[in-house]
Amino acid sequence: MGGIIYLIGILSAVSGWTLPFRGKDQGFLDIFDFISTNYMLPIGGLLTCLFIAWVVKDSDRIAEFGSRGGLYKGFMVVLRYITPIAVLIVILHGLELLPFMSYGD
């Protein structure tokens, strides 16, 4: 693992090296920034949202939230249905797959 971390560190340190990525030459940090921003963060957010909304026991969520009133019920509707759809739209936008968006240069 140390060797892998060392090699990735070298790629980060030598940002003058460019690789062809998405039609232009970009450095390692630019490529990793694009991948983490457009894919890794939204997918992590989607998985966290789905886990909290559907896997965690209701009693545990109520204990963390501190209530089971109307605000909690609204929170659960947003967490279960609205947030996953919004994050999926962000992921599809990162993949440039939304039909109503113009992705031309």
PDB file of N, CA and C in Angstrom:
ATOM      1  N   MET A   1       0.821  -1.188   0.000  1.00  0.00           N
ATOM      2  CA  MET A   1       0.000   0.000   0.000  1.00  0.00           C
ATOM      3  C   MET A   1       0.867   1.255   0.000  1.00  0.00           C
ATOM      4  N   GLY A   2       1.960   1.181   0.741  1.00  0.00           N
ATOM      5  CA  GLY A   2       2.846   2.335   0.769  1.00  0.00           C
ATOM      6  C   GLY A   2       3.394   2.671  -0.607  1.00  0.00           C
ATOM      7  N   GLY A   3       3.726   1.640  -1.380  1.00  0.00           N
ATOM      8  CA  GLY A   3       4.228   1.851  -2.738  1.00  0.00           C
ATOM      9  C   GLY A   3       3.185   2.475  -3.650  1.00  0.00           C
ATOM     10  N   ILE A   4       1.952   2.031  -3.523  1.00  0.00           N
ATOM     11  CA  ILE A   4       0.869   2.591  -4.340  1.00  0.00           C
ATOM     12  C   ILE A   4       0.645   4.060  -3.978  1.00  0.00           C
ATOM     13  N   ILE A   5       0.650   4.344  -2.693  1.00  0.00           N
ATOM     14  CA  ILE A   5       0.478   5.727  -2.248  1.00  0.00           C
ATOM     15  C   ILE A   5       1.641   6.591  -2.746  1.00  0.00           C
ATOM     16  N   TYR A   6       2.848   6.035  -2.710  1.00  0.00           N
ATOM     17  CA  TYR A   6       4.019   6.757  -3.192  1.00  0.00           C
ATOM     18  C   TYR A   6       3.879   7.082  -4.685  1.00  0.00           C
ATOM     19  N   LEU A   7       3.457   6.104  -5.482  1.00  0.00           N
ATOM     20  CA  LEU A   7       3.305   6.336  -6.922  1.00  0.00           C
ATOM     21  C   LEU A   7       2.228   7.376  -7.223  1.00  0.00           C
ATOM     22  N   ILE A   8       1.122   7.301  -6.516  1.00  0.00           N
ATOM     23  CA  ILE A   8       0.072   8.300  -6.719  1.00  0.00           C
ATOM     24  C   ILE A   8       0.566   9.672  -6.275  1.00  0.00           C
ATOM     25  N   GLY A   9       1.353   9.702  -5.213  1.00  0.00           N
ATOM     26  CA  GLY A   9       1.931  10.966  -4.761  1.00  0.00           C
ATOM     27  C   GLY A   9       2.866  11.564  -5.793  1.00  0.00           C
ATOM     28  N   ILE A  10       3.641  10.722  -6.467  1.00  0.00           N
ATOM     29  CA  ILE A  10       4.528  11.221  -7.521  1.00  0.00           C
ATOM     30  C   ILE A  10       3.709  11.828  -8.652  1.00  0.00           C
ATOM     31  N   LEU A  11       2.615  11.151  -9.031  1.00  0.00           N
ATOM     32  CA  LEU A  11       1.756  11.696 -10.089  1.00  0.00           C
ATOM     33  C   LEU A  11       1.181  13.049  -9.684  1.00  0.00           C
ATOM     34  N   SER A  12       0.835  13.181  -8.412  1.00  0.00           N
ATOM     35  CA  SER A  12       0.298  14.458  -7.940  1.00  0.00           C
ATOM     36  C   SER A  12       1.379  15.531  -7.907  1.00  0.00           C
ATOM     37  N   ALA A  13       2.593  15.166  -7.526  1.00  0.00           N
ATOM     38  CA  ALA A  13       3.677  16.139  -7.397  1.00  0.00           C
ATOM     39  C   ALA A  13       4.158  16.637  -8.755  1.00  0.00           C
ATOM     40  N   VAL A  14       4.141  15.767  -9.741  1.00  0.00           N
ATOM     41  CA  VAL A  14       4.625  16.133 -11.071  1.00  0.00           C
ATOM     42  C   VAL A  14       3.420  16.494 -11.931  1.00  0.00           C
ATOM     43  N   SER A  15       2.781  17.604 -11.588  1.00  0.00           N
ATOM     44  CA  SER A  15       1.555  17.975 -12.285  1.00  0.00           C
ATOM     45  C   SER A  15       1.837  18.530 -13.676  1.00  0.00           C
ATOM     46  N   GLY A  16       3.096  18.691 -14.037  1.00  0.00           N
ATOM     47  CA  GLY A  16       3.433  19.154 -15.369  1.00  0.00           C
ATOM     48  C   GLY A  16       3.207  18.086 -16.433  1.00  0.00           C
ATOM     49  N   TRP A  17       3.186  16.816 -16.023  1.00  0.00           N
ATOM     50  CA  TRP A  17       2.888  15.748 -16.966  1.00  0.00           C
ATOM     51  C   TRP A  17       1.416  15.807 -17.331  1.00  0.00           C
ATOM     52  N   THR A  18       1.136  15.691 -18.596  1.00  0.00           N
ATOM     53  CA  THR A  18      -0.259  15.734 -19.024  1.00  0.00           C
ATOM     54  C   THR A  18      -0.629  14.434 -19.706  1.00  0.00           C
ATOM     55  N   LEU A  19      -1.892  14.105 -19.597  1.00  0.00           N
ATOM     56  CA  LEU A  19      -2.456  12.919 -20.230  1.00  0.00           C
ATOM     57  C   LEU A  19      -3.661  13.346 -21.048  1.00  0.00           C
ATOM     58  N   PRO A  20      -3.896  12.682 -22.175  1.00  0.00           N
ATOM     59  CA  PRO A  20      -5.104  13.020 -22.930  1.00  0.00           C
ATOM     60  C   PRO A  20      -6.338  12.532 -22.163  1.00  0.00           C
ATOM     61  N   PHE A  21      -7.224  13.447 -21.844  1.00  0.00           N
ATOM     62  CA  PHE A  21      -8.429  13.112 -21.092  1.00  0.00           C
ATOM     63  C   PHE A  21      -9.543  14.045 -21.529  1.00  0.00           C
ATOM     64  N   ARG A  22     -10.628  13.484 -21.973  1.00  0.00           N
ATOM     65  CA  ARG A  22     -11.802  14.232 -22.429  1.00  0.00           C
ATOM     66  C   ARG A  22     -11.459  15.202 -23.551  1.00  0.00           C
ATOM     67  N   GLY A  23     -10.628  14.771 -24.456  1.00  0.00           N
ATOM     68  CA  GLY A  23     -10.332  15.558 -25.634  1.00  0.00           C
ATOM     69  C   GLY A  23      -9.270  16.627 -25.481  1.00  0.00           C
ATOM     70  N   LYS A  24      -8.661  16.734 -24.309  1.00  0.00           N
ATOM     71  CA  LYS A  24      -7.577  17.710 -24.137  1.00  0.00           C
ATOM     72  C   LYS A  24      -6.542  17.141 -23.184  1.00  0.00           C
ATOM     73  N   ASP A  25      -5.343  17.694 -23.223  1.00  0.00           N
ATOM     74  CA  ASP A  25      -4.283  17.244 -22.332  1.00  0.00           C
ATOM     75  C   ASP A  25      -4.478  17.880 -20.965  1.00  0.00           C
ATOM     76  N   GLN A  26      -4.554  17.029 -19.938  1.00  0.00           N
ATOM     77  CA  GLN A  26      -4.758  17.513 -18.586  1.00  0.00           C
ATOM     78  C   GLN A  26      -3.788  16.819 -17.647  1.00  0.00           C
ATOM     79  N   GLY A  27      -3.444  17.506 -16.555  1.00  0.00           N
ATOM     80  CA  GLY A  27      -2.581  16.928 -15.534  1.00  0.00           C
ATOM     81  C   GLY A  27      -3.351  15.957 -14.650  1.00  0.00           C
ATOM     82  N   PHE A  28      -2.614  15.192 -13.858  1.00  0.00           N
ATOM     83  CA  PHE A  28      -3.209  14.181 -12.995  1.00  0.00           C
ATOM     84  C   PHE A  28      -4.211  14.798 -12.019  1.00  0.00           C
ATOM     85  N   LEU A  29      -3.862  15.934 -11.421  1.00  0.00           N
ATOM     86  CA  LEU A  29      -4.762  16.562 -10.457  1.00  0.00           C
ATOM     87  C   LEU A  29      -6.062  17.025 -11.113  1.00  0.00           C
ATOM     88  N   ASP A  30      -5.982  17.513 -12.337  1.00  0.00           N
ATOM     89  CA  ASP A  30      -7.189  17.918 -13.063  1.00  0.00           C
ATOM     90  C   ASP A  30      -8.094  16.718 -13.335  1.00  0.00           C
ATOM     91  N   ILE A  31      -7.488  15.616 -13.739  1.00  0.00           N
ATOM     92  CA  ILE A  31      -8.254  14.404 -14.028  1.00  0.00           C
ATOM     93  C   ILE A  31      -8.907  13.879 -12.754  1.00  0.00           C
ATOM     94  N   PHE A  32      -8.129  13.799 -11.677  1.00  0.00           N
ATOM     95  CA  PHE A  32      -8.673  13.273 -10.427  1.00  0.00           C
ATOM     96  C   PHE A  32      -9.744  14.199  -9.858  1.00  0.00           C
ATOM     97  N   ASP A  33      -9.553  15.507 -10.008  1.00  0.00           N
ATOM     98  CA  ASP A  33     -10.566  16.461  -9.563  1.00  0.00           C
ATOM     99  C   ASP A  33     -11.867  16.254 -10.327  1.00  0.00           C
ATOM    100  N   PHE A  34     -11.782  16.070 -11.632  1.00  0.00           N
ATOM    101  CA  PHE A  34     -12.982  15.852 -12.446  1.00  0.00           C
ATOM    102  C   PHE A  34     -13.699  14.575 -12.023  1.00  0.00           C
ATOM    103  N   ILE A  35     -12.944  13.485 -11.859  1.00  0.00           N
ATOM    104  CA  ILE A  35     -13.551  12.199 -11.500  1.00  0.00           C
ATOM    105  C   ILE A  35     -14.180  12.258 -10.111  1.00  0.00           C
ATOM    106  N   SER A  36     -13.470  12.844  -9.150  1.00  0.00           N
ATOM    107  CA  SER A  36     -14.013  12.879  -7.787  1.00  0.00           C
ATOM    108  C   SER A  36     -15.218  13.799  -7.691  1.00  0.00           C
ATOM    109  N   THR A  37     -15.190  14.942  -8.369  1.00  0.00           N
ATOM    110  CA  THR A  37     -16.300  15.887  -8.297  1.00  0.00           C
ATOM    111  C   THR A  37     -17.539  15.380  -9.018  1.00  0.00           C
ATOM    112  N   ASN A  38     -17.374  14.793 -10.191  1.00  0.00           N
ATOM    113  CA  ASN A  38     -18.523  14.404 -11.003  1.00  0.00           C
ATOM    114  C   ASN A  38     -19.020  12.992 -10.753  1.00  0.00           C
ATOM    115  N   TYR A  39     -18.206  12.131 -10.175  1.00  0.00           N
ATOM    116  CA  TYR A  39     -18.631  10.739 -10.003  1.00  0.00           C
ATOM    117  C   TYR A  39     -18.567  10.270  -8.557  1.00  0.00           C
ATOM    118  N   MET A  40     -17.421  10.389  -7.918  1.00  0.00           N
ATOM    119  CA  MET A  40     -17.232   9.794  -6.596  1.00  0.00           C
ATOM    120  C   MET A  40     -18.084  10.461  -5.517  1.00  0.00           C
ATOM    121  N   LEU A  41     -18.100  11.777  -5.456  1.00  0.00           N
ATOM    122  CA  LEU A  41     -18.892  12.473  -4.432  1.00  0.00           C
ATOM    123  C   LEU A  41     -20.396  12.252  -4.605  1.00  0.00           C
ATOM    124  N   PRO A  42     -20.958  12.406  -5.810  1.00  0.00           N
ATOM    125  CA  PRO A  42     -22.398  12.144  -5.940  1.00  0.00           C
ATOM    126  C   PRO A  42     -22.781  10.686  -5.655  1.00  0.00           C
ATOM    127  N   ILE A  43     -21.965   9.738  -6.078  1.00  0.00           N
ATOM    128  CA  ILE A  43     -22.278   8.334  -5.803  1.00  0.00           C
ATOM    129  C   ILE A  43     -22.190   8.060  -4.307  1.00  0.00           C
ATOM    130  N   GLY A  44     -21.194   8.612  -3.625  1.00  0.00           N
ATOM    131  CA  GLY A  44     -21.096   8.462  -2.177  1.00  0.00           C
ATOM    132  C   GLY A  44     -22.290   9.077  -1.468  1.00  0.00           C
ATOM    133  N   GLY A  45     -22.734  10.241  -1.918  1.00  0.00           N
ATOM    134  CA  GLY A  45     -23.915  10.881  -1.344  1.00  0.00           C
ATOM    135  C   GLY A  45     -25.177  10.069  -1.564  1.00  0.00           C
ATOM    136  N   LEU A  46     -25.313   9.502  -2.758  1.00  0.00           N
ATOM    137  CA  LEU A  46     -26.485   8.666  -3.054  1.00  0.00           C
ATOM    138  C   LEU A  46     -26.504   7.426  -2.177  1.00  0.00           C
ATOM    139  N   LEU A  47     -25.366   6.768  -2.040  1.00  0.00           N
ATOM    140  CA  LEU A  47     -25.312   5.565  -1.207  1.00  0.00           C
ATOM    141  C   LEU A  47     -25.570   5.890   0.263  1.00  0.00           C
ATOM    142  N   THR A  48     -25.049   7.020   0.743  1.00  0.00           N
ATOM    143  CA  THR A  48     -25.308   7.432   2.123  1.00  0.00           C
ATOM    144  C   THR A  48     -26.791   7.709   2.333  1.00  0.00           C
ATOM    145  N   CYS A  49     -27.388   8.415   1.399  1.00  0.00           N
ATOM    146  CA  CYS A  49     -28.807   8.737   1.480  1.00  0.00           C
ATOM    147  C   CYS A  49     -29.654   7.475   1.505  1.00  0.00           C
ATOM    148  N   LEU A  50     -29.380   6.548   0.601  1.00  0.00           N
ATOM    149  CA  LEU A  50     -30.148   5.302   0.553  1.00  0.00           C
ATOM    150  C   LEU A  50     -29.950   4.476   1.816  1.00  0.00           C
ATOM    151  N   PHE A  51     -28.740   4.460   2.348  1.00  0.00           N
ATOM    152  CA  PHE A  51     -28.476   3.701   3.566  1.00  0.00           C
ATOM    153  C   PHE A  51     -29.249   4.275   4.744  1.00  0.00           C
ATOM    154  N   ILE A  52     -29.179   5.595   4.923  1.00  0.00           N
ATOM    155  CA  ILE A  52     -29.860   6.222   6.051  1.00  0.00           C
ATOM    156  C   ILE A  52     -31.381   6.092   5.911  1.00  0.00           C
ATOM    157  N   ALA A  53     -31.891   6.244   4.707  1.00  0.00           N
ATOM    158  CA  ALA A  53     -33.339   6.237   4.501  1.00  0.00           C
ATOM    159  C   ALA A  53     -33.950   4.839   4.566  1.00  0.00           C
ATOM    160  N   TRP A  54     -33.244   3.825   4.088  1.00  0.00           N
ATOM    161  CA  TRP A  54     -33.868   2.518   3.933  1.00  0.00           C
ATOM    162  C   TRP A  54     -33.261   1.408   4.785  1.00  0.00           C
ATOM    163  N   VAL A  55     -32.029   1.546   5.256  1.00  0.00           N
ATOM    164  CA  VAL A  55     -31.374   0.452   5.983  1.00  0.00           C
ATOM    165  C   VAL A  55     -31.363   0.695   7.494  1.00  0.00           C
ATOM    166  N   VAL A  56     -31.063   1.913   7.909  1.00  0.00           N
ATOM    167  CA  VAL A  56     -30.988   2.226   9.330  1.00  0.00           C
ATOM    168  C   VAL A  56     -32.379   2.082   9.959  1.00  0.00           C
ATOM    169  N   LYS A  57     -32.426   1.488  11.145  1.00  0.00           N
ATOM    170  CA  LYS A  57     -33.701   1.284  11.834  1.00  0.00           C
ATOM    171  C   LYS A  57     -34.344   2.623  12.184  1.00  0.00           C
ATOM    172  N   ASP A  58     -35.665   2.634  12.135  1.00  0.00           N
ATOM    173  CA  ASP A  58     -36.412   3.845  12.419  1.00  0.00           C
ATOM    174  C   ASP A  58     -36.121   4.351  13.832  1.00  0.00           C
ATOM    175  N   SER A  59     -35.987   3.456  14.783  1.00  0.00           N
ATOM    176  CA  SER A  59     -35.706   3.876  16.165  1.00  0.00           C
ATOM    177  C   SER A  59     -34.348   4.577  16.265  1.00  0.00           C
ATOM    178  N   ASP A  60     -33.369   4.122  15.510  1.00  0.00           N
ATOM    179  CA  ASP A  60     -32.057   4.779  15.514  1.00  0.00           C
ATOM    180  C   ASP A  60     -32.120   6.165  14.881  1.00  0.00           C
ATOM    181  N   ARG A  61     -32.877   6.278  13.775  1.00  0.00           N
ATOM    182  CA  ARG A  61     -33.029   7.593  13.141  1.00  0.00           C
ATOM    183  C   ARG A  61     -33.753   8.560  14.065  1.00  0.00           C
ATOM    184  N   ILE A  62     -34.786   8.085  14.745  1.00  0.00           N
ATOM    185  CA  ILE A  62     -35.534   8.947  15.654  1.00  0.00           C
ATOM    186  C   ILE A  62     -34.645   9.386  16.813  1.00  0.00           C
ATOM    187  N   ALA A  63     -33.821   8.472  17.319  1.00  0.00           N
ATOM    188  CA  ALA A  63     -32.903   8.829  18.409  1.00  0.00           C
ATOM    189  C   ALA A  63     -31.911   9.903  17.961  1.00  0.00           C
ATOM    190  N   GLU A  64     -31.421   9.812  16.756  1.00  0.00           N
ATOM    191  CA  GLU A  64     -30.479  10.815  16.248  1.00  0.00           C
ATOM    192  C   GLU A  64     -31.180  12.134  15.948  1.00  0.00           C
ATOM    193  N   PHE A  65     -32.380  12.047  15.373  1.00  0.00           N
ATOM    194  CA  PHE A  65     -33.108  13.264  14.995  1.00  0.00           C
ATOM    195  C   PHE A  65     -33.727  13.936  16.206  1.00  0.00           C
ATOM    196  N   GLY A  66     -34.096  13.148  17.210  1.00  0.00           N
ATOM    197  CA  GLY A  66     -34.622  13.697  18.447  1.00  0.00           C
ATOM    198  C   GLY A  66     -36.121  13.893  18.472  1.00  0.00           C
ATOM    199  N   SER A  67     -36.818  13.454  17.438  1.00  0.00           N
ATOM    200  CA  SER A  67     -38.264  13.656  17.382  1.00  0.00           C
ATOM    201  C   SER A  67     -38.860  12.696  16.362  1.00  0.00           C
ATOM    202  N   ARG A  68     -40.155  12.538  16.413  1.00  0.00           N
ATOM    203  CA  ARG A  68     -40.841  11.769  15.378  1.00  0.00           C
ATOM    204  C   ARG A  68     -42.043  12.545  14.868  1.00  0.00           C
ATOM    205  N   GLY A  69     -42.035  13.848  15.024  1.00  0.00           N
ATOM    206  CA  GLY A  69     -43.145  14.714  14.628  1.00  0.00           C
ATOM    207  C   GLY A  69     -43.195  14.969  13.138  1.00  0.00           C
ATOM    208  N   GLY A  70     -43.871  16.042  12.784  1.00  0.00           N
ATOM    209  CA  GLY A  70     -44.072  16.386  11.376  1.00  0.00           C
ATOM    210  C   GLY A  70     -42.783  16.705  10.652  1.00  0.00           C
ATOM    211  N   LEU A  71     -41.856  17.352  11.342  1.00  0.00           N
ATOM    212  CA  LEU A  71     -40.581  17.676  10.716  1.00  0.00           C
ATOM    213  C   LEU A  71     -39.813  16.394  10.364  1.00  0.00           C
ATOM    214  N   TYR A  72     -39.877  15.412  11.256  1.00  0.00           N
ATOM    215  CA  TYR A  72     -39.219  14.123  10.994  1.00  0.00           C
ATOM    216  C   TYR A  72     -39.852  13.427   9.791  1.00  0.00           C
ATOM    217  N   LYS A  73     -41.182  13.437   9.717  1.00  0.00           N
ATOM    218  CA  LYS A  73     -41.870  12.792   8.586  1.00  0.00           C
ATOM    219  C   LYS A  73     -41.526  13.484   7.265  1.00  0.00           C
ATOM    220  N   GLY A  74     -41.464  14.810   7.286  1.00  0.00           N
ATOM    221  CA  GLY A  74     -41.060  15.538   6.084  1.00  0.00           C
ATOM    222  C   GLY A  74     -39.621  15.231   5.703  1.00  0.00           C
ATOM    223  N   PHE A  75     -38.764  15.142   6.706  1.00  0.00           N
ATOM    224  CA  PHE A  75     -37.367  14.788   6.477  1.00  0.00           C
ATOM    225  C   PHE A  75     -37.254  13.411   5.807  1.00  0.00           C
ATOM    226  N   MET A  76     -38.050  12.471   6.264  1.00  0.00           N
ATOM    227  CA  MET A  76     -37.989  11.117   5.690  1.00  0.00           C
ATOM    228  C   MET A  76     -38.498  11.091   4.253  1.00  0.00           C
ATOM    229  N   VAL A  77     -39.521  11.882   3.942  1.00  0.00           N
ATOM    230  CA  VAL A  77     -40.005  11.952   2.557  1.00  0.00           C
ATOM    231  C   VAL A  77     -38.911  12.506   1.656  1.00  0.00           C
ATOM    232  N   VAL A  78     -38.278  13.576   2.105  1.00  0.00           N
ATOM    233  CA  VAL A  78     -37.198  14.174   1.313  1.00  0.00           C
ATOM    234  C   VAL A  78     -36.039  13.204   1.166  1.00  0.00           C
ATOM    235  N   LEU A  79     -35.669  12.545   2.259  1.00  0.00           N
ATOM    236  CA  LEU A  79     -34.521  11.632   2.246  1.00  0.00           C
ATOM    237  C   LEU A  79     -34.792  10.386   1.407  1.00  0.00           C
ATOM    238  N   ARG A  80     -35.993   9.884   1.416  1.00  0.00           N
ATOM    239  CA  ARG A  80     -36.300   8.641   0.689  1.00  0.00           C
ATOM    240  C   ARG A  80     -36.587   8.868  -0.789  1.00  0.00           C
ATOM    241  N   TYR A  81     -37.228   9.959  -1.142  1.00  0.00           N
ATOM    242  CA  TYR A  81     -37.709  10.095  -2.511  1.00  0.00           C
ATOM    243  C   TYR A  81     -37.106  11.262  -3.289  1.00  0.00           C
ATOM    244  N   ILE A  82     -37.006  12.419  -2.686  1.00  0.00           N
ATOM    245  CA  ILE A  82     -36.565  13.603  -3.422  1.00  0.00           C
ATOM    246  C   ILE A  82     -35.046  13.627  -3.590  1.00  0.00           C
ATOM    247  N   THR A  83     -34.316  13.380  -2.517  1.00  0.00           N
ATOM    248  CA  THR A  83     -32.857  13.440  -2.574  1.00  0.00           C
ATOM    249  C   THR A  83     -32.245  12.425  -3.540  1.00  0.00           C
ATOM    250  N   PRO A  84     -32.677  11.140  -3.549  1.00  0.00           N
ATOM    251  CA  PRO A  84     -32.090  10.218  -4.522  1.00  0.00           C
ATOM    252  C   PRO A  84     -32.315  10.645  -5.970  1.00  0.00           C
ATOM    253  N   ILE A  85     -33.487  11.200  -6.261  1.00  0.00           N
ATOM    254  CA  ILE A  85     -33.755  11.665  -7.625  1.00  0.00           C
ATOM    255  C   ILE A  85     -32.846  12.835  -7.973  1.00  0.00           C
ATOM    256  N   ALA A  86     -32.683  13.768  -7.042  1.00  0.00           N
ATOM    257  CA  ALA A  86     -31.818  14.927  -7.289  1.00  0.00           C
ATOM    258  C   ALA A  86     -30.360  14.499  -7.491  1.00  0.00           C
ATOM    259  N   VAL A  87     -29.892  13.554  -6.677  1.00  0.00           N
ATOM    260  CA  VAL A  87     -28.502  13.096  -6.818  1.00  0.00           C
ATOM    261  C   VAL A  87     -28.330  12.318  -8.122  1.00  0.00           C
ATOM    262  N   LEU A  88     -29.327  11.542  -8.516  1.00  0.00           N
ATOM    263  CA  LEU A  88     -29.247  10.846  -9.811  1.00  0.00           C
ATOM    264  C   LEU A  88     -29.164  11.842 -10.967  1.00  0.00           C
ATOM    265  N   ILE A  89     -29.879  12.949 -10.869  1.00  0.00           N
ATOM    266  CA  ILE A  89     -29.782  13.980 -11.905  1.00  0.00           C
ATOM    267  C   ILE A  89     -28.368  14.557 -11.948  1.00  0.00           C
ATOM    268  N   VAL A  90     -27.757  14.766 -10.783  1.00  0.00           N
ATOM    269  CA  VAL A  90     -26.377  15.264 -10.728  1.00  0.00           C
ATOM    270  C   VAL A  90     -25.425  14.258 -11.373  1.00  0.00           C
ATOM    271  N   ILE A  91     -25.610  12.970 -11.089  1.00  0.00           N
ATOM    272  CA  ILE A  91     -24.754  11.927 -11.674  1.00  0.00           C
ATOM    273  C   ILE A  91     -24.929  11.885 -13.185  1.00  0.00           C
ATOM    274  N   LEU A  92     -26.165  11.921 -13.655  1.00  0.00           N
ATOM    275  CA  LEU A  92     -26.411  11.905 -15.098  1.00  0.00           C
ATOM    276  C   LEU A  92     -25.845  13.144 -15.777  1.00  0.00           C
ATOM    277  N   HIS A  93     -25.898  14.279 -15.090  1.00  0.00           N
ATOM    278  CA  HIS A  93     -25.298  15.491 -15.643  1.00  0.00           C
ATOM    279  C   HIS A  93     -23.779  15.337 -15.743  1.00  0.00           C
ATOM    280  N   GLY A  94     -23.163  14.722 -14.732  1.00  0.00           N
ATOM    281  CA  GLY A  94     -21.720  14.486 -14.785  1.00  0.00           C
ATOM    282  C   GLY A  94     -21.337  13.549 -15.918  1.00  0.00           C
ATOM    283  N   LEU A  95     -22.210  12.601 -16.219  1.00  0.00           N
ATOM    284  CA  LEU A  95     -21.973  11.678 -17.327  1.00  0.00           C
ATOM    285  C   LEU A  95     -22.401  12.260 -18.668  1.00  0.00           C
ATOM    286  N   GLU A  96     -22.965  13.471 -18.640  1.00  0.00           N
ATOM    287  CA  GLU A  96     -23.466  14.162 -19.826  1.00  0.00           C
ATOM    288  C   GLU A  96     -24.528  13.332 -20.535  1.00  0.00           C
ATOM    289  N   LEU A  97     -25.475  12.810 -19.782  1.00  0.00           N
ATOM    290  CA  LEU A  97     -26.527  11.961 -20.332  1.00  0.00           C
ATOM    291  C   LEU A  97     -27.925  12.570 -20.235  1.00  0.00           C
ATOM    292  N   LEU A  98     -28.035  13.806 -19.770  1.00  0.00           N
ATOM    293  CA  LEU A  98     -29.354  14.419 -19.675  1.00  0.00           C
ATOM    294  C   LEU A  98     -29.785  14.902 -21.054  1.00  0.00           C
ATOM    295  N   PRO A  99     -30.955  14.463 -21.523  1.00  0.00           N
ATOM    296  CA  PRO A  99     -31.366  14.806 -22.887  1.00  0.00           C
ATOM    297  C   PRO A  99     -31.712  16.282 -23.078  1.00  0.00           C
ATOM    298  N   PHE A 100     -32.063  16.988 -22.017  1.00  0.00           N
ATOM    299  CA  PHE A 100     -32.481  18.373 -22.143  1.00  0.00           C
ATOM    300  C   PHE A 100     -31.337  19.370 -21.939  1.00  0.00           C
ATOM    301  N   MET A 101     -30.093  18.874 -21.799  1.00  0.00           N
ATOM    302  CA  MET A 101     -28.928  19.744 -21.613  1.00  0.00           C
ATOM    303  C   MET A 101     -28.080  19.760 -22.885  1.00  0.00           C
ATOM    304  N   SER A 102     -27.441  20.874 -23.148  1.00  0.00           N
ATOM    305  CA  SER A 102     -26.530  20.993 -24.277  1.00  0.00           C
ATOM    306  C   SER A 102     -25.096  20.836 -23.749  1.00  0.00           C
ATOM    307  N   TYR A 103     -24.392  19.805 -24.227  1.00  0.00           N
ATOM    308  CA  TYR A 103     -23.047  19.537 -23.738  1.00  0.00           C
ATOM    309  C   TYR A 103     -21.975  19.873 -24.769  1.00  0.00           C
ATOM    310  N   GLY A 104     -22.306  20.581 -25.812  1.00  0.00           N
ATOM    311  CA  GLY A 104     -21.333  20.954 -26.833  1.00  0.00           C
ATOM    312  C   GLY A 104     -20.293  21.911 -26.303  1.00  0.00           C
ATOM    313  N   ASP A 105     -19.102  21.872 -26.903  1.00  0.00           N
ATOM    314  CA  ASP A 105     -18.011  22.774 -26.455  1.00  0.00           C
ATOM    315  C   ASP A 105     -18.162  24.128 -27.012  1.00  0.00           C
TER     316      ASP A 105
END
